[in-house]
Each structure stands twice: as structure tokens, then as C-alpha cells.
Amino acid sequence: MKTVKLEDAVGLRLAHDITEIRPGEFKGRAFAMGHEVREVDLCRLRRLGKNNLYVLELAADEVHENEAAAILAAALAGEGVECEGPPREGRINLLAGRDGLLTVDVAALAAFNMTGDVMCATLHDRSMVGRGERVAATRAIPLAVKREAVKRAAATAAGGVVAVRPLRRARAGLIVTGDEIHRGLIEDRFLPVLSAKVEALGSRVAATLIVPDDAAAIARAIRDHLSAGCDLLLLGGGMSVDPDDVTRHGIRLAGADDLHYGAAALPGAMFLVASLGDTPLLGVPACALFHRATVLDLILPRILAGERPGAADLALLGHGGLCRGCDPCRFPICPFGRG
């Protein structure tokens, strides 16, 4: 790197982007790499604190920060993720190429960031994102990076560290259990809540049933929904430990397997996941009637993205699985479920 006094820099080309910061107003690129310095630029450069400029001469085994960022971004981007244009100030953003569920290989991300002279920061794993949303950003930290270091970092990200999985459009069958609702003694509130959550994720409600607290009736309702072509089942009510809460028994009678009851999240500890062949089934506790965000909001997108959460997944929700109960609720822009 050769140092040149500012007054002698007219006619030289900048070796890197120069950033301007106006607190509370602006932070961005004032001059782009490669800009030819003109007499008219000198005053602004002085205001930016630049008394000297630099001529960069890369060695054969070095890579400029912008070139390095482009290489790193290409390695980090998995399916459903795109790189945003050319690098700026040695940094490049990674954007969601479609609506869906962001997945982050956390171990690979840590390995990438441990290689030295590079970094990548992402949104939380299992965040819902929209097309065009920034999901990660990467950059080379020094102005010039050893080519071998860039290759080593890119190798740790081979195959992509961040990806966006699309959500399938399910035909959901909803079942609400409860004698008092079935007999019309109280108004059902579960169907509107469950319907709204299903439809917000792009799926549709294909069938609904309200059945009494009877295991055989619950099993018949499940089979009826399957016969009607439903490929996702949600059952509301009867998930607690009261003796008359027989929903779990009805789910077993219907032939469900891979059943896991209990999630390390509040609200939603009495949540249930199971399968009937290829059809996922979710048992939703009554907390969904009172809280805007529960464990259902954490697991349903994962189901629609093709995951089949098991006991370990429900246990791992414990870190970050305690809702703060904010008023107003800001989910999903909050730490709930973001361990």
C-alpha cells in the first residue's frame, strides 16, 4: 500500500470505497472504488477525514475485499438465496429469492467465521422471510485478503450455509374437540384461530369438524378428513392432563405413529406432533386461544417446509422458547423461539 498526500492524489483511482457517516442521517458510500480523484473532490474528502489516499498494489496471492466478498457470497448462498448485485464497501448482501422458511447451518456458519479475515451474519434460523428480504451479509474484513484464506472460508460454506425453503400449500383438516362446544353450550373459538394461522402461510382449510370428548369420535373425524383428501391435520382442544381430555387417545386410535407429546416452549407446553403415513398431525393446546404466538407458530412453518419435527426438535425449543408476553405482541420480530 503506497501512501499519497491528498493534494497529490488528483488523477489517481481510489483503491477502495470511502464511507461517509452523518450520525442519525446517513451511512453509505461517498466514493466508489476506482473513482478518479478530481480537484473538486478534495474538499469533501478532507471533511471525511482523509488527509492521505492510498495506491493498492495486490500481490499475486492476494484478493481485493470486493472480489473476496463476491466469492464468499456465492459459497454461502444455498437454494432460494440470491446475491445482491456487486459488492459495496467490501460487503455483499444475500437476499431471499422466494417466500419461505430460512434455514441456517449454524455449525457451518461458525466454522466459516472462525477461518479468519472474513465474516457472515444471518437472520435467525427458521425465520419466515419474504422474497427480496435480506437474510445474510458477508464481507472480507481487511482491504486485501490472502487468496488461500478466501478459498478456505468458501470451502467451509460449500453447498450453502443459508437457504430458503418454500412452504407447500396444504389442504388442512381442522378438528375441534369438546362436549360443551359440540352441544352448542359455548361458542367455538378454535376454528377461526387455526384457520387464520393456516391461511396466513398460504395453505387453505379444506374441512372442519367439531366432535365431543370421545376418543372413537375423534378417531373417526381424523379418518374422515384423510378420506376427504386433507394432507395436514390440526386438532384443537383436549390436550391437557384432565381425565376427560381424550384427544391424544383418539389420535392413537386413528393409527397415528411417531407421536411426541410435550414441547419445551411456553405458551404451548402441551403441544403434540404425530404422523398418519405421510400426513402430519398437530395437537394444539388451549393456549392458542389466548396468546397471539405459541409453539404452533414455531412448528407449523417447519411442517409446511417439509420438516418432520421429533422429540429432539421439541426439546431444543427450550432455548428461546419462553415468550416475554409483550404488550403489544411483536411476534415474529422478537426472541420467542429464536434460540
Protein backbone atom coordinates (compact mmCIF):
# COMPACT_ATOMS: atom_id res chain seq x y z
CA MET A 1 0.00 0.00 0.00
CA LYS A 2 1.51 3.32 -1.11
CA THR A 3 0.50 6.48 0.78
CA VAL A 4 -0.21 9.63 -1.23
CA LYS A 5 -0.93 13.06 0.26
CA LEU A 6 -4.41 14.23 -0.62
CA GLU A 7 -3.22 17.27 -2.58
CA ASP A 8 -1.09 14.97 -4.75
CA ALA A 9 -3.89 12.44 -5.36
CA VAL A 10 -5.70 14.18 -8.23
CA GLY A 11 -5.87 11.76 -11.14
CA LEU A 12 -5.39 8.63 -9.01
CA ARG A 13 -8.08 5.98 -8.73
CA LEU A 14 -9.38 5.00 -5.30
CA ALA A 15 -8.27 1.58 -4.07
CA HIS A 16 -11.44 1.06 -2.01
CA ASP A 17 -14.85 2.55 -1.32
CA ILE A 18 -14.85 5.54 1.03
CA THR A 19 -17.70 5.65 3.51
CA GLU A 20 -19.49 8.75 4.75
CA ILE A 21 -21.31 8.77 8.09
CA ARG A 22 -23.67 11.51 9.21
CA PRO A 23 -24.99 10.39 12.62
CA GLY A 24 -28.71 9.83 12.55
CA GLU A 25 -28.92 10.77 8.85
CA PHE A 26 -26.80 8.68 6.54
CA LYS A 27 -24.22 5.93 6.30
CA GLY A 28 -23.08 4.80 2.90
CA ARG A 29 -20.62 5.02 0.09
CA ALA A 30 -19.37 8.54 -0.67
CA PHE A 31 -16.83 7.49 -3.31
CA ALA A 32 -16.67 4.15 -5.09
CA MET A 33 -13.58 2.06 -5.58
CA GLY A 34 -11.98 3.03 -8.90
CA HIS A 35 -13.24 6.63 -8.75
CA GLU A 36 -10.71 9.02 -10.30
CA VAL A 37 -9.98 11.76 -7.80
CA ARG A 38 -10.72 15.26 -9.11
CA GLU A 39 -9.79 18.67 -7.74
CA VAL A 40 -13.45 19.22 -6.81
CA ASP A 41 -13.39 16.09 -4.61
CA LEU A 42 -10.61 17.26 -2.30
CA CYS A 43 -12.74 19.43 -0.04
CA ARG A 44 -15.27 16.64 0.57
CA LEU A 45 -12.52 14.11 1.17
CA ARG A 46 -10.98 16.39 3.81
CA ARG A 47 -14.38 16.67 5.53
CA LEU A 48 -14.39 12.88 5.64
CA GLY A 49 -11.08 12.94 7.46
CA LYS A 50 -8.96 11.85 4.51
CA ASN A 51 -5.61 13.63 4.54
CA ASN A 52 -3.97 10.80 2.62
CA LEU A 53 -5.11 8.37 -0.04
CA TYR A 54 -3.60 5.05 -0.94
CA VAL A 55 -2.49 3.20 -4.02
CA LEU A 56 -3.10 -0.52 -3.62
CA GLU A 57 -0.81 -2.99 -5.31
CA LEU A 58 -2.08 -6.53 -4.75
CA ALA A 59 0.39 -9.38 -4.56
CA ALA A 60 -0.24 -12.45 -6.68
CA ASP A 61 -1.58 -14.35 -3.67
CA GLU A 62 -3.98 -11.58 -2.55
CA VAL A 63 -7.61 -10.75 -3.34
CA HIS A 64 -9.29 -7.34 -3.07
CA GLU A 65 -12.10 -7.13 -0.49
CA ASN A 66 -14.80 -6.75 -3.16
CA GLU A 67 -13.65 -9.76 -5.14
CA ALA A 68 -13.39 -11.75 -1.92
CA ALA A 69 -16.93 -10.78 -0.88
CA ALA A 70 -18.34 -11.98 -4.20
CA ILE A 71 -16.58 -15.36 -3.85
CA LEU A 72 -17.76 -15.76 -0.26
CA ALA A 73 -21.36 -14.81 -1.01
CA ALA A 74 -21.57 -17.33 -3.85
CA ALA A 75 -20.39 -20.08 -1.50
CA LEU A 76 -22.74 -19.11 1.34
CA ALA A 77 -25.90 -18.89 -0.79
CA GLY A 78 -27.91 -22.10 -0.86
CA GLU A 79 -31.19 -22.87 -2.59
CA GLY A 80 -33.63 -19.98 -2.65
CA VAL A 81 -30.96 -17.37 -1.83
CA GLU A 82 -29.53 -14.77 -4.21
CA CYS A 83 -26.58 -12.37 -4.07
CA GLU A 84 -27.49 -8.69 -4.25
CA GLY A 85 -25.61 -7.05 -7.08
CA PRO A 86 -21.91 -6.18 -6.95
CA PRO A 87 -20.20 -5.77 -3.55
CA ARG A 88 -20.15 -2.34 -1.94
CA GLU A 89 -17.52 -1.31 0.59
CA GLY A 90 -16.24 -4.88 0.64
CA ARG A 91 -19.65 -6.27 1.57
CA ILE A 92 -22.44 -8.10 -0.22
CA ASN A 93 -25.97 -8.91 0.95
CA LEU A 94 -27.73 -12.22 0.45
CA LEU A 95 -31.45 -11.97 -0.29
CA ALA A 96 -34.33 -14.41 -0.16
CA GLY A 97 -35.09 -15.46 -3.71
CA ARG A 98 -38.59 -16.56 -2.70
CA ASP A 99 -41.03 -16.52 0.18
CA GLY A 100 -40.39 -19.28 2.67
CA LEU A 101 -38.58 -20.56 5.73
CA LEU A 102 -34.96 -19.52 6.22
CA THR A 103 -32.64 -22.31 7.28
CA VAL A 104 -29.14 -21.63 8.60
CA ASP A 105 -26.45 -24.28 9.03
CA VAL A 106 -25.32 -22.85 12.34
CA ALA A 107 -22.29 -25.13 12.69
CA ALA A 108 -21.05 -24.32 9.18
CA LEU A 109 -21.62 -20.61 9.82
CA ALA A 110 -19.46 -20.77 12.96
CA ALA A 111 -16.74 -22.65 11.07
CA PHE A 112 -16.83 -20.02 8.31
CA ASN A 113 -16.48 -17.17 10.81
CA MET A 114 -13.59 -18.93 12.54
CA THR A 115 -11.44 -19.10 9.40
CA GLY A 116 -10.25 -15.53 9.90
CA ASP A 117 -10.39 -12.27 7.90
CA VAL A 118 -14.00 -12.97 6.79
CA MET A 119 -17.42 -12.79 8.40
CA CYS A 120 -21.05 -13.60 7.75
CA ALA A 121 -24.08 -12.59 9.81
CA THR A 122 -27.57 -14.02 9.26
CA LEU A 123 -31.11 -13.76 10.50
CA HIS A 124 -32.18 -16.45 12.96
CA ASP A 125 -32.54 -20.00 11.73
CA ARG A 126 -36.19 -20.96 10.97
CA SER A 127 -37.31 -17.36 10.40
CA MET A 128 -40.11 -16.73 7.93
CA VAL A 129 -38.85 -14.44 5.16
CA GLY A 130 -40.27 -12.78 2.07
CA ARG A 131 -38.79 -12.61 -1.40
CA GLY A 132 -36.18 -9.85 -1.63
CA GLU A 133 -35.63 -9.70 2.14
CA ARG A 134 -32.04 -9.56 3.35
CA VAL A 135 -31.27 -12.83 5.12
CA ALA A 136 -27.48 -12.58 5.48
CA ALA A 137 -24.48 -10.37 4.72
CA THR A 138 -20.82 -11.22 4.27
CA ARG A 139 -17.59 -9.33 3.81
CA ALA A 140 -13.85 -9.61 3.88
CA ILE A 141 -12.59 -7.69 6.90
CA PRO A 142 -9.22 -6.34 5.63
CA LEU A 143 -8.88 -4.50 2.32
CA ALA A 144 -6.72 -7.27 0.88
CA VAL A 145 -7.10 -10.92 1.83
CA LYS A 146 -4.87 -13.86 1.12
CA ARG A 147 -6.38 -15.87 -1.73
CA GLU A 148 -5.84 -19.08 0.22
CA ALA A 149 -7.83 -17.69 3.16
CA VAL A 150 -10.74 -16.88 0.85
CA LYS A 151 -10.63 -20.37 -0.65
CA ARG A 152 -10.54 -21.94 2.82
CA ALA A 153 -13.52 -19.89 4.01
CA ALA A 154 -15.51 -20.66 0.86
CA ALA A 155 -14.80 -24.37 1.31
CA THR A 156 -16.37 -24.36 4.78
CA ALA A 157 -19.53 -22.92 3.22
CA ALA A 158 -19.61 -25.35 0.28
CA GLY A 159 -23.20 -26.27 -0.55
CA GLY A 160 -24.61 -23.16 1.07
CA VAL A 161 -24.96 -22.02 4.67
CA VAL A 162 -28.26 -20.18 4.21
CA ALA A 163 -31.25 -21.42 2.21
CA VAL A 164 -34.92 -20.56 1.87
CA ARG A 165 -37.35 -23.46 1.68
CA PRO A 166 -40.72 -22.84 0.05
CA LEU A 167 -43.86 -23.73 2.01
CA ARG A 168 -46.18 -26.23 0.40
CA ARG A 169 -49.85 -25.31 0.02
CA ALA A 170 -51.58 -27.81 2.25
CA ARG A 171 -55.24 -28.87 2.35
CA ALA A 172 -55.79 -28.63 6.09
CA GLY A 173 -58.40 -30.52 8.03
CA LEU A 174 -59.35 -28.90 11.35
CA ILE A 175 -60.92 -30.76 14.27
CA VAL A 176 -62.10 -29.12 17.49
CA THR A 177 -62.92 -31.35 20.45
CA GLY A 178 -65.12 -30.62 23.44
CA ASP A 179 -68.56 -31.70 24.70
CA GLU A 180 -69.55 -28.15 25.59
CA ILE A 181 -68.73 -26.90 22.07
CA HIS A 182 -70.27 -29.90 20.31
CA ARG A 183 -73.56 -29.44 22.22
CA GLY A 184 -73.58 -25.70 21.49
CA LEU A 185 -73.25 -24.65 25.12
CA ILE A 186 -70.36 -22.31 24.29
CA GLU A 187 -69.22 -20.76 21.04
CA ASP A 188 -66.25 -22.31 19.29
CA ARG A 189 -63.23 -20.02 19.03
CA PHE A 190 -60.66 -22.57 17.92
CA LEU A 191 -61.64 -22.86 14.25
CA PRO A 192 -61.18 -19.13 13.49
CA VAL A 193 -57.78 -19.10 15.21
CA LEU A 194 -56.48 -22.22 13.47
CA SER A 195 -57.93 -21.18 10.11
CA ALA A 196 -56.19 -17.80 10.27
CA LYS A 197 -52.82 -19.37 11.02
CA VAL A 198 -53.14 -21.92 8.21
CA GLU A 199 -54.26 -19.34 5.65
CA ALA A 200 -51.57 -16.82 6.66
CA LEU A 201 -48.97 -19.35 5.50
CA GLY A 202 -50.58 -19.84 2.09
CA SER A 203 -52.50 -23.05 2.77
CA ARG A 204 -56.26 -23.49 2.84
CA VAL A 205 -58.78 -25.09 5.15
CA ALA A 206 -60.40 -27.97 3.26
CA ALA A 207 -62.65 -29.38 6.02
CA THR A 208 -63.69 -28.70 9.62
CA LEU A 209 -65.39 -30.81 12.28
CA ILE A 210 -66.45 -30.29 15.90
CA VAL A 211 -66.61 -33.52 17.87
CA PRO A 212 -67.34 -34.44 21.51
CA ASP A 213 -64.75 -35.60 24.03
CA ASP A 214 -64.94 -39.17 22.79
CA ALA A 215 -61.85 -40.98 21.56
CA ALA A 216 -63.73 -43.06 18.98
CA ALA A 217 -65.45 -39.95 17.58
CA ILE A 218 -62.13 -38.14 17.35
CA ALA A 219 -60.56 -41.10 15.52
CA ARG A 220 -63.49 -41.18 13.06
CA ALA A 221 -63.13 -37.43 12.41
CA ILE A 222 -59.43 -37.89 11.66
CA ARG A 223 -60.16 -40.71 9.20
CA ASP A 224 -62.95 -38.67 7.57
CA HIS A 225 -60.56 -35.79 6.95
CA LEU A 226 -57.98 -38.16 5.47
CA SER A 227 -60.64 -39.68 3.20
CA ALA A 228 -61.60 -36.17 2.08
CA GLY A 229 -58.04 -35.59 0.86
CA CYS A 230 -56.67 -33.47 3.71
CA ASP A 231 -52.87 -33.62 3.87
CA LEU A 232 -52.43 -31.70 7.13
CA LEU A 233 -54.46 -32.16 10.32
CA LEU A 234 -54.77 -29.78 13.26
CA LEU A 235 -56.70 -30.73 16.38
CA GLY A 236 -57.64 -28.09 18.93
CA GLY A 237 -58.68 -28.82 22.49
CA GLY A 238 -58.39 -31.78 24.82
CA MET A 239 -54.59 -31.64 25.06
CA SER A 240 -54.25 -31.07 28.80
CA VAL A 241 -53.93 -33.61 31.62
CA ASP A 242 -57.60 -33.57 32.70
CA PRO A 243 -59.14 -37.08 32.73
CA ASP A 244 -61.79 -36.05 30.17
CA ASP A 245 -59.22 -34.73 27.71
CA VAL A 246 -59.09 -37.74 25.40
CA THR A 247 -57.78 -36.17 22.20
CA ARG A 248 -54.44 -37.96 22.43
CA HIS A 249 -56.22 -41.29 22.85
CA GLY A 250 -58.33 -40.56 19.77
CA ILE A 251 -55.21 -39.71 17.77
CA ARG A 252 -53.67 -43.07 18.70
CA LEU A 253 -56.92 -44.91 17.84
CA ALA A 254 -56.78 -43.33 14.38
CA GLY A 255 -53.44 -45.08 13.82
CA ALA A 256 -51.05 -42.17 14.31
CA ASP A 257 -47.40 -43.01 14.83
CA ASP A 258 -44.21 -41.12 15.62
CA LEU A 259 -46.23 -39.32 18.28
CA HIS A 260 -44.49 -36.79 20.53
CA TYR A 261 -46.38 -35.01 23.29
CA GLY A 262 -44.87 -32.03 25.08
CA ALA A 263 -42.77 -29.13 23.82
CA ALA A 264 -40.18 -27.07 25.71
CA ALA A 265 -41.95 -23.79 24.94
CA LEU A 266 -44.32 -21.50 26.79
CA PRO A 267 -47.03 -20.93 25.75
CA GLY A 268 -47.54 -24.35 24.22
CA ALA A 269 -46.03 -26.98 26.52
CA MET A 270 -48.88 -29.46 25.86
CA PHE A 271 -48.32 -29.44 22.10
CA LEU A 272 -48.36 -32.69 20.13
CA VAL A 273 -46.87 -33.76 16.81
CA ALA A 274 -47.61 -37.06 15.09
CA SER A 275 -47.98 -38.60 11.64
CA LEU A 276 -50.52 -40.72 9.83
CA GLY A 277 -48.47 -42.08 6.97
CA ASP A 278 -47.26 -39.01 5.09
CA THR A 279 -49.80 -36.71 6.75
CA PRO A 280 -48.55 -34.58 9.67
CA LEU A 281 -50.88 -34.08 12.62
CA LEU A 282 -50.60 -31.32 15.21
CA GLY A 283 -52.41 -31.25 18.54
CA VAL A 284 -52.86 -27.65 19.65
CA PRO A 285 -53.43 -26.80 23.34
CA ALA A 286 -55.92 -24.18 24.53
CA CYS A 287 -53.21 -21.54 24.96
CA ALA A 288 -53.64 -20.76 21.25
CA LEU A 289 -56.98 -19.14 22.18
CA PHE A 290 -55.31 -16.61 24.47
CA HIS A 291 -51.86 -15.88 23.04
CA ARG A 292 -51.08 -14.47 19.63
CA ALA A 293 -47.85 -16.50 19.38
CA THR A 294 -47.45 -20.06 20.67
CA VAL A 295 -45.39 -23.11 19.79
CA LEU A 296 -47.81 -23.69 16.88
CA ASP A 297 -46.37 -20.58 15.18
CA LEU A 298 -42.87 -22.05 15.52
CA ILE A 299 -43.66 -25.55 14.28
CA LEU A 300 -46.33 -25.07 11.58
CA PRO A 301 -43.99 -23.27 9.11
CA ARG A 302 -41.42 -26.04 9.58
CA ILE A 303 -44.04 -28.67 8.81
CA LEU A 304 -45.10 -26.85 5.63
CA ALA A 305 -41.42 -26.56 4.62
CA GLY A 306 -41.15 -30.34 4.67
CA GLU A 307 -39.64 -30.92 8.11
CA ARG A 308 -40.89 -33.60 10.49
CA PRO A 309 -40.00 -32.33 13.97
CA GLY A 310 -39.39 -35.02 16.56
CA ALA A 311 -38.65 -35.22 20.27
CA ALA A 312 -35.21 -33.59 19.95
CA ASP A 313 -36.63 -30.66 17.96
CA LEU A 314 -39.33 -30.05 20.56
CA ALA A 315 -36.73 -30.23 23.33
CA LEU A 316 -34.39 -27.79 21.60
CA LEU A 317 -37.14 -25.17 21.58
CA GLY A 318 -36.34 -24.62 25.26
CA HIS A 319 -33.56 -22.15 24.48
CA GLY A 320 -35.53 -19.06 23.47
CA GLY A 321 -38.86 -20.82 23.91
CA LEU A 322 -40.13 -18.58 26.70
CA CYS A 323 -42.44 -15.83 25.44
CA ARG A 324 -41.94 -12.45 27.09
CA GLY A 325 -45.65 -11.67 26.85
CA CYS A 326 -45.04 -8.24 25.36
CA ASP A 327 -47.95 -5.82 25.03
CA PRO A 328 -48.40 -5.31 22.18
CA CYS A 329 -47.14 -8.61 20.79
CA ARG A 330 -44.43 -8.09 18.16
CA PHE A 331 -44.05 -11.69 17.01
CA PRO A 332 -42.21 -12.68 14.85
CA ILE A 333 -39.95 -9.64 15.39
CA CYS A 334 -39.00 -10.88 18.85
CA PRO A 335 -36.81 -13.51 20.54
CA PHE A 336 -39.58 -16.12 21.01
CA GLY A 337 -38.39 -19.40 19.51
CA ARG A 338 -35.12 -17.90 18.32
CA GLY A 339 -32.65 -19.97 20.34
